[in-house]
N, C-alpha and C. Protein backbone atom coordinates (compact mmCIF):
# COMPACT_ATOMS: atom_id res chain seq x y z
N MET A 1 -32.80 -32.86 42.29
CA MET A 1 -31.60 -33.25 41.60
C MET A 1 -31.47 -32.49 40.27
N ASN A 2 -32.55 -32.42 39.55
CA ASN A 2 -32.58 -31.69 38.30
C ASN A 2 -32.27 -30.20 38.53
N ARG A 3 -32.79 -29.68 39.62
CA ARG A 3 -32.59 -28.28 39.96
C ARG A 3 -31.10 -28.01 40.21
N GLU A 4 -30.40 -28.88 40.90
CA GLU A 4 -28.98 -28.74 41.17
C GLU A 4 -28.16 -28.78 39.88
N LEU A 5 -28.52 -29.63 38.98
CA LEU A 5 -27.85 -29.75 37.69
C LEU A 5 -28.02 -28.47 36.88
N VAL A 6 -29.22 -27.90 36.91
CA VAL A 6 -29.49 -26.65 36.19
C VAL A 6 -28.67 -25.52 36.80
N LYS A 7 -28.62 -25.44 38.15
CA LYS A 7 -27.84 -24.39 38.82
C LYS A 7 -26.36 -24.50 38.47
N GLU A 8 -25.85 -25.73 38.46
CA GLU A 8 -24.44 -25.94 38.13
C GLU A 8 -24.16 -25.55 36.67
N SER A 9 -25.05 -25.90 35.77
CA SER A 9 -24.90 -25.55 34.35
C SER A 9 -24.92 -24.05 34.17
N ILE A 10 -25.83 -23.37 34.86
CA ILE A 10 -25.90 -21.91 34.77
C ILE A 10 -24.63 -21.29 35.31
N SER A 11 -24.12 -21.81 36.40
CA SER A 11 -22.89 -21.30 37.00
C SER A 11 -21.71 -21.46 36.03
N GLN A 12 -21.61 -22.62 35.41
CA GLN A 12 -20.53 -22.86 34.44
C GLN A 12 -20.67 -21.94 33.22
N PHE A 13 -21.92 -21.72 32.80
CA PHE A 13 -22.18 -20.84 31.67
C PHE A 13 -21.76 -19.40 32.01
N GLU A 14 -22.08 -18.94 33.22
CA GLU A 14 -21.71 -17.59 33.66
C GLU A 14 -20.19 -17.42 33.71
N VAL A 15 -19.50 -18.46 34.19
CA VAL A 15 -18.03 -18.41 34.21
C VAL A 15 -17.48 -18.32 32.79
N ALA A 16 -18.04 -19.09 31.88
CA ALA A 16 -17.61 -19.07 30.48
C ALA A 16 -17.84 -17.69 29.86
N ILE A 17 -18.98 -17.08 30.14
CA ILE A 17 -19.29 -15.73 29.63
C ILE A 17 -18.29 -14.72 30.20
N ASP A 18 -18.00 -14.79 31.49
CA ASP A 18 -17.03 -13.89 32.11
C ASP A 18 -15.64 -14.05 31.48
N ASN A 19 -15.24 -15.28 31.23
CA ASN A 19 -13.94 -15.53 30.58
C ASN A 19 -13.90 -14.95 29.17
N LEU A 20 -14.99 -15.10 28.45
CA LEU A 20 -15.08 -14.57 27.10
C LEU A 20 -15.01 -13.04 27.12
N LYS A 21 -15.73 -12.42 28.04
CA LYS A 21 -15.70 -10.95 28.16
C LYS A 21 -14.28 -10.48 28.46
N GLN A 22 -13.61 -11.17 29.37
CA GLN A 22 -12.24 -10.80 29.73
C GLN A 22 -11.30 -10.93 28.53
N ALA A 23 -11.47 -12.00 27.77
CA ALA A 23 -10.62 -12.20 26.58
C ALA A 23 -10.86 -11.10 25.55
N LEU A 24 -12.10 -10.68 25.40
CA LEU A 24 -12.41 -9.61 24.44
C LEU A 24 -11.86 -8.28 24.91
N LEU A 25 -11.84 -8.07 26.22
CA LEU A 25 -11.34 -6.81 26.76
C LEU A 25 -9.82 -6.73 26.68
N GLU A 26 -9.16 -7.87 26.81
CA GLU A 26 -7.69 -7.88 26.76
C GLU A 26 -7.23 -7.86 25.30
N GLU A 27 -7.01 -6.67 24.80
CA GLU A 27 -6.60 -6.51 23.41
C GLU A 27 -5.10 -6.78 23.30
N ASP A 28 -4.69 -7.35 22.20
CA ASP A 28 -3.28 -7.60 21.94
C ASP A 28 -2.59 -6.24 21.76
N LYS A 29 -1.73 -5.88 22.71
CA LYS A 29 -1.10 -4.56 22.64
C LYS A 29 -0.10 -4.45 21.48
N PHE A 30 0.25 -5.57 20.88
CA PHE A 30 1.16 -5.55 19.75
C PHE A 30 0.44 -5.70 18.40
N ALA A 31 -0.89 -5.69 18.41
CA ALA A 31 -1.66 -5.94 17.19
C ALA A 31 -1.30 -4.98 16.06
N GLU A 32 -1.20 -3.69 16.37
CA GLU A 32 -0.88 -2.70 15.33
C GLU A 32 0.52 -2.93 14.76
N LEU A 33 1.47 -3.23 15.64
CA LEU A 33 2.84 -3.50 15.19
C LEU A 33 2.91 -4.77 14.35
N LYS A 34 2.20 -5.80 14.77
CA LYS A 34 2.18 -7.05 14.01
C LYS A 34 1.60 -6.84 12.62
N GLU A 35 0.51 -6.08 12.54
CA GLU A 35 -0.13 -5.80 11.25
C GLU A 35 0.81 -4.99 10.35
N ALA A 36 1.46 -3.98 10.93
CA ALA A 36 2.40 -3.16 10.16
C ALA A 36 3.55 -4.00 9.65
N HIS A 37 4.09 -4.88 10.50
CA HIS A 37 5.20 -5.76 10.09
C HIS A 37 4.76 -6.69 8.96
N LYS A 38 3.55 -7.22 9.09
CA LYS A 38 3.00 -8.10 8.05
C LYS A 38 2.89 -7.37 6.71
N ASN A 39 2.64 -6.05 6.79
CA ASN A 39 2.49 -5.23 5.57
C ASN A 39 3.80 -4.59 5.11
N GLY A 40 4.92 -5.03 5.70
CA GLY A 40 6.22 -4.59 5.21
C GLY A 40 6.93 -3.51 6.00
N ALA A 41 6.32 -3.00 7.08
CA ALA A 41 6.98 -1.97 7.88
C ALA A 41 8.16 -2.56 8.63
N VAL A 42 9.17 -1.75 8.84
CA VAL A 42 10.34 -2.18 9.62
C VAL A 42 10.03 -1.90 11.09
N ILE A 43 10.24 -2.91 11.93
CA ILE A 43 10.00 -2.79 13.36
C ILE A 43 11.34 -2.64 14.07
N GLU A 44 11.37 -1.72 15.04
CA GLU A 44 12.57 -1.50 15.83
C GLU A 44 12.27 -1.77 17.30
N TYR A 45 13.31 -2.10 18.05
CA TYR A 45 13.16 -2.25 19.49
C TYR A 45 14.22 -1.40 20.17
N LYS A 46 13.92 -1.00 21.41
CA LYS A 46 14.81 -0.09 22.12
C LYS A 46 15.80 -0.88 22.96
N THR A 47 17.08 -0.58 22.76
CA THR A 47 18.15 -1.14 23.57
C THR A 47 18.82 0.02 24.29
N TYR A 48 19.70 -0.29 25.18
CA TYR A 48 20.38 0.76 25.93
C TYR A 48 21.87 0.61 25.80
N ASP A 49 22.56 1.74 25.52
CA ASP A 49 24.01 1.70 25.38
C ASP A 49 24.68 1.86 26.75
N MET A 50 25.99 2.00 26.75
CA MET A 50 26.73 2.10 28.01
C MET A 50 26.33 3.33 28.83
N MET A 51 25.86 4.36 28.16
CA MET A 51 25.45 5.58 28.85
C MET A 51 23.99 5.47 29.29
N ASN A 52 23.39 4.30 29.10
CA ASN A 52 22.00 4.02 29.44
C ASN A 52 21.04 4.91 28.65
N GLU A 53 21.45 5.27 27.45
CA GLU A 53 20.59 6.05 26.57
C GLU A 53 19.93 5.10 25.58
N GLY A 54 18.67 5.32 25.31
CA GLY A 54 17.94 4.44 24.41
C GLY A 54 18.42 4.54 22.98
N VAL A 55 18.62 3.39 22.37
CA VAL A 55 19.03 3.30 20.98
C VAL A 55 18.06 2.35 20.29
N TRP A 56 17.58 2.74 19.12
CA TRP A 56 16.63 1.90 18.39
C TRP A 56 17.37 1.04 17.38
N ASP A 57 17.12 -0.28 17.41
CA ASP A 57 17.72 -1.24 16.48
C ASP A 57 16.61 -1.95 15.71
N GLU A 58 16.90 -2.26 14.45
CA GLU A 58 15.92 -2.95 13.61
C GLU A 58 15.82 -4.42 13.98
N LEU A 59 14.62 -4.96 13.83
CA LEU A 59 14.37 -6.39 14.02
C LEU A 59 13.88 -6.97 12.71
N LYS A 60 14.46 -8.08 12.30
CA LYS A 60 14.01 -8.75 11.08
C LYS A 60 12.76 -9.58 11.35
N ASN A 61 12.75 -10.31 12.46
CA ASN A 61 11.63 -11.18 12.83
C ASN A 61 11.25 -10.92 14.29
N PRO A 62 10.50 -9.85 14.56
CA PRO A 62 10.19 -9.52 15.95
C PRO A 62 9.32 -10.58 16.63
N ALA A 63 9.62 -10.83 17.91
CA ALA A 63 8.86 -11.80 18.69
C ALA A 63 7.76 -11.13 19.51
N PHE A 64 7.85 -9.81 19.72
CA PHE A 64 6.87 -9.04 20.48
C PHE A 64 6.68 -9.60 21.88
N VAL A 65 7.68 -9.35 22.72
CA VAL A 65 7.70 -9.85 24.09
C VAL A 65 7.37 -8.70 25.04
N ASP A 66 6.59 -8.98 26.06
CA ASP A 66 6.29 -7.97 27.08
C ASP A 66 7.59 -7.49 27.72
N GLY A 67 7.64 -6.22 28.06
CA GLY A 67 8.81 -5.66 28.72
C GLY A 67 9.82 -5.05 27.77
N ILE A 68 9.60 -5.21 26.46
CA ILE A 68 10.48 -4.62 25.46
C ILE A 68 9.69 -3.56 24.72
N GLU A 69 10.32 -2.42 24.47
CA GLU A 69 9.65 -1.32 23.78
C GLU A 69 9.89 -1.45 22.27
N TYR A 70 8.82 -1.43 21.50
CA TYR A 70 8.87 -1.55 20.04
C TYR A 70 8.27 -0.30 19.39
N ARG A 71 8.64 -0.10 18.12
CA ARG A 71 8.01 0.96 17.33
C ARG A 71 8.16 0.64 15.86
N ILE A 72 7.34 1.28 15.05
CA ILE A 72 7.49 1.23 13.60
C ILE A 72 8.58 2.24 13.26
N LYS A 73 9.55 1.82 12.49
CA LYS A 73 10.67 2.71 12.15
C LYS A 73 10.12 3.95 11.44
N PRO A 74 10.43 5.13 11.97
CA PRO A 74 9.94 6.35 11.31
C PRO A 74 10.60 6.53 9.95
N GLU A 75 9.82 7.08 9.02
CA GLU A 75 10.39 7.35 7.70
C GLU A 75 11.37 8.51 7.80
N GLU A 76 12.47 8.36 7.10
CA GLU A 76 13.50 9.39 7.09
C GLU A 76 13.02 10.59 6.28
N LYS A 77 13.22 11.78 6.81
CA LYS A 77 12.86 13.01 6.11
C LYS A 77 14.00 13.39 5.16
N PRO A 78 13.66 13.84 3.95
CA PRO A 78 14.71 14.26 3.02
C PRO A 78 15.45 15.50 3.51
N LYS A 79 16.74 15.56 3.19
CA LYS A 79 17.56 16.71 3.51
C LYS A 79 18.06 17.32 2.20
N VAL A 80 18.36 18.61 2.23
CA VAL A 80 18.89 19.29 1.04
C VAL A 80 20.11 18.53 0.56
N GLY A 81 20.14 18.25 -0.74
CA GLY A 81 21.24 17.50 -1.34
C GLY A 81 20.91 16.04 -1.57
N ASP A 82 19.85 15.53 -0.92
CA ASP A 82 19.43 14.14 -1.12
C ASP A 82 18.79 13.96 -2.49
N VAL A 83 18.97 12.79 -3.07
CA VAL A 83 18.20 12.40 -4.25
C VAL A 83 16.85 11.95 -3.72
N ILE A 84 15.77 12.51 -4.28
CA ILE A 84 14.44 12.23 -3.74
C ILE A 84 13.46 11.78 -4.82
N LYS A 85 12.47 11.07 -4.37
CA LYS A 85 11.28 10.78 -5.15
C LYS A 85 10.25 11.75 -4.59
N ALA A 86 9.66 12.60 -5.44
CA ALA A 86 8.75 13.63 -4.97
C ALA A 86 7.45 13.60 -5.77
N TRP A 87 6.35 13.97 -5.11
CA TRP A 87 5.05 13.98 -5.76
C TRP A 87 4.14 15.01 -5.08
N VAL A 88 3.08 15.39 -5.79
CA VAL A 88 2.15 16.39 -5.28
C VAL A 88 1.00 15.73 -4.54
N THR A 89 0.29 14.81 -5.19
CA THR A 89 -0.85 14.15 -4.53
C THR A 89 -0.77 12.63 -4.61
N LYS A 90 -0.40 12.10 -5.77
CA LYS A 90 -0.37 10.65 -5.95
C LYS A 90 1.08 10.18 -6.07
N GLU A 91 1.46 9.24 -5.21
CA GLU A 91 2.85 8.80 -5.18
C GLU A 91 3.29 8.17 -6.49
N ASP A 92 2.36 7.59 -7.24
CA ASP A 92 2.76 6.96 -8.50
C ASP A 92 2.94 7.99 -9.62
N GLU A 93 2.69 9.28 -9.34
CA GLU A 93 2.93 10.37 -10.30
C GLU A 93 4.07 11.22 -9.74
N TYR A 94 5.28 10.72 -9.83
CA TYR A 94 6.42 11.31 -9.15
C TYR A 94 7.47 11.82 -10.14
N PHE A 95 8.41 12.58 -9.60
CA PHE A 95 9.62 12.91 -10.34
C PHE A 95 10.80 12.66 -9.39
N ILE A 96 11.96 12.52 -9.97
CA ILE A 96 13.17 12.24 -9.19
C ILE A 96 14.15 13.38 -9.44
N GLY A 97 14.76 13.86 -8.38
CA GLY A 97 15.74 14.92 -8.51
C GLY A 97 16.51 15.09 -7.22
N VAL A 98 17.39 16.09 -7.24
CA VAL A 98 18.17 16.42 -6.04
C VAL A 98 17.45 17.55 -5.32
N LEU A 99 17.18 17.36 -4.04
CA LEU A 99 16.45 18.35 -3.27
C LEU A 99 17.28 19.63 -3.14
N SER A 100 16.73 20.74 -3.68
CA SER A 100 17.42 22.03 -3.63
C SER A 100 17.13 22.76 -2.32
N SER A 101 15.86 22.72 -1.89
CA SER A 101 15.48 23.42 -0.66
C SER A 101 14.11 22.92 -0.20
N ILE A 102 13.76 23.33 1.01
CA ILE A 102 12.42 23.08 1.54
C ILE A 102 11.88 24.46 1.85
N ASP A 103 10.76 24.82 1.21
CA ASP A 103 10.25 26.19 1.39
C ASP A 103 9.51 26.37 2.71
N SER A 104 9.04 27.58 2.96
CA SER A 104 8.41 27.92 4.25
C SER A 104 7.12 27.15 4.50
N ARG A 105 6.49 26.64 3.44
CA ARG A 105 5.26 25.83 3.60
C ARG A 105 5.58 24.36 3.80
N GLY A 106 6.86 24.01 3.71
CA GLY A 106 7.26 22.61 3.86
C GLY A 106 7.29 21.85 2.55
N ASP A 107 7.09 22.56 1.43
CA ASP A 107 7.16 21.91 0.12
C ASP A 107 8.62 21.64 -0.25
N TYR A 108 8.81 20.55 -0.97
CA TYR A 108 10.15 20.16 -1.42
C TYR A 108 10.40 20.77 -2.79
N VAL A 109 11.54 21.44 -2.94
CA VAL A 109 11.86 22.17 -4.16
C VAL A 109 13.03 21.49 -4.86
N VAL A 110 12.81 21.17 -6.15
CA VAL A 110 13.86 20.57 -6.98
C VAL A 110 14.02 21.46 -8.20
N LYS A 111 15.26 21.79 -8.52
CA LYS A 111 15.53 22.64 -9.68
C LYS A 111 16.25 21.82 -10.75
N PHE A 112 15.79 22.00 -11.98
CA PHE A 112 16.42 21.34 -13.13
C PHE A 112 16.91 22.42 -14.08
N GLN A 113 18.08 22.18 -14.67
CA GLN A 113 18.61 23.13 -15.63
C GLN A 113 18.57 22.52 -17.02
N ASN A 114 18.03 23.26 -17.95
CA ASN A 114 17.96 22.82 -19.34
C ASN A 114 19.34 23.00 -19.95
N SER A 115 19.92 21.92 -20.46
CA SER A 115 21.27 22.01 -21.01
C SER A 115 21.30 22.77 -22.34
N TYR A 116 20.16 22.90 -23.00
CA TYR A 116 20.10 23.57 -24.30
C TYR A 116 20.27 25.07 -24.15
N ASP A 117 19.47 25.69 -23.26
CA ASP A 117 19.54 27.15 -23.14
C ASP A 117 19.81 27.63 -21.70
N SER A 118 20.20 26.72 -20.85
CA SER A 118 20.52 27.01 -19.45
C SER A 118 19.35 27.53 -18.63
N SER A 119 18.13 27.35 -19.12
CA SER A 119 16.95 27.73 -18.34
C SER A 119 16.86 26.85 -17.10
N ILE A 120 16.39 27.44 -16.02
CA ILE A 120 16.22 26.67 -14.79
C ILE A 120 14.73 26.51 -14.52
N TYR A 121 14.34 25.28 -14.30
CA TYR A 121 12.94 24.94 -14.02
C TYR A 121 12.84 24.51 -12.56
N THR A 122 11.84 25.02 -11.89
CA THR A 122 11.63 24.69 -10.49
C THR A 122 10.37 23.86 -10.35
N PHE A 123 10.51 22.74 -9.67
CA PHE A 123 9.37 21.86 -9.38
C PHE A 123 9.18 21.82 -7.87
N ARG A 124 7.93 21.85 -7.46
CA ARG A 124 7.60 21.77 -6.04
C ARG A 124 6.73 20.55 -5.80
N ALA A 125 6.96 19.91 -4.68
CA ALA A 125 6.16 18.74 -4.34
C ALA A 125 5.78 18.80 -2.86
N ARG A 126 4.61 18.32 -2.58
CA ARG A 126 4.13 18.30 -1.18
C ARG A 126 4.77 17.15 -0.41
N TYR A 127 5.08 16.06 -1.10
CA TYR A 127 5.59 14.86 -0.44
C TYR A 127 6.90 14.44 -1.09
N ALA A 128 7.78 13.85 -0.29
CA ALA A 128 9.05 13.36 -0.83
C ALA A 128 9.65 12.36 0.14
N LYS A 129 10.46 11.48 -0.44
CA LYS A 129 11.24 10.59 0.42
C LYS A 129 12.61 10.41 -0.21
N PRO A 130 13.63 10.31 0.65
CA PRO A 130 14.99 10.13 0.12
C PRO A 130 15.13 8.75 -0.50
N LEU A 131 15.97 8.68 -1.51
CA LEU A 131 16.20 7.41 -2.20
C LEU A 131 17.65 6.98 -2.03
N THR A 132 17.83 5.68 -1.92
CA THR A 132 19.18 5.14 -1.98
C THR A 132 19.58 5.13 -3.46
N GLN A 133 20.84 4.91 -3.73
CA GLN A 133 21.30 4.85 -5.12
C GLN A 133 20.57 3.73 -5.86
N GLN A 134 20.42 2.58 -5.22
CA GLN A 134 19.75 1.44 -5.85
C GLN A 134 18.28 1.76 -6.15
N GLU A 135 17.59 2.40 -5.21
CA GLU A 135 16.18 2.75 -5.43
C GLU A 135 16.03 3.73 -6.59
N ALA A 136 16.94 4.72 -6.67
CA ALA A 136 16.88 5.70 -7.75
C ALA A 136 17.10 5.01 -9.11
N ILE A 137 18.07 4.12 -9.17
CA ILE A 137 18.35 3.41 -10.42
C ILE A 137 17.14 2.57 -10.83
N GLU A 138 16.54 1.86 -9.87
CA GLU A 138 15.38 1.03 -10.18
C GLU A 138 14.19 1.86 -10.66
N LEU A 139 13.97 3.03 -10.03
CA LEU A 139 12.86 3.88 -10.46
C LEU A 139 13.12 4.49 -11.84
N LEU A 140 14.37 4.86 -12.10
CA LEU A 140 14.70 5.48 -13.38
C LEU A 140 14.74 4.48 -14.53
N PHE A 141 15.28 3.30 -14.27
CA PHE A 141 15.51 2.35 -15.36
C PHE A 141 14.68 1.08 -15.27
N GLY A 142 14.01 0.86 -14.14
CA GLY A 142 13.19 -0.34 -13.98
C GLY A 142 14.03 -1.52 -13.54
N LYS A 143 13.45 -2.37 -12.75
CA LYS A 143 14.16 -3.56 -12.25
C LYS A 143 14.49 -4.52 -13.37
N GLU A 144 13.57 -4.64 -14.33
CA GLU A 144 13.78 -5.59 -15.43
C GLU A 144 15.02 -5.26 -16.23
N LYS A 145 15.25 -3.96 -16.49
CA LYS A 145 16.39 -3.55 -17.30
C LYS A 145 17.72 -3.83 -16.59
N LEU A 146 17.70 -3.75 -15.26
CA LEU A 146 18.92 -3.98 -14.50
C LEU A 146 19.39 -5.42 -14.58
N ASN A 147 18.44 -6.33 -14.73
CA ASN A 147 18.77 -7.75 -14.76
C ASN A 147 19.13 -8.27 -16.16
N ASP A 148 18.98 -7.42 -17.17
CA ASP A 148 19.28 -7.85 -18.55
C ASP A 148 20.76 -7.92 -18.81
């Protein structure tokens, strides 16, 4: 009788171990997206228009359901004429200007003209992102000053 109880306990233990292994192997396929969303990334999902072409729409509160394609919204690349925040290595050491060109190495070029003697100064940055009008104002003048 004791032997049967031990065999049954071992069998239940083996089933529990198998279930645990399976749970560990089944990774949450949305884990990266959930973490990115938690950290402020914009999540998009793919819908289809009348031509059955994929269109990406933003989600404010994604549910992450199987069968729907999701992605982290790609950052927009600056275009010539955009107002940009640009930096060389550290994003908190930036300058703001209008993008004049993108050189052959992919560096962002901003030109400033000195109003005193009409000298033109060229600044190059390895990294840049386009700014909305509101973002540019906040970076130039600070959020606190806007609310005064």
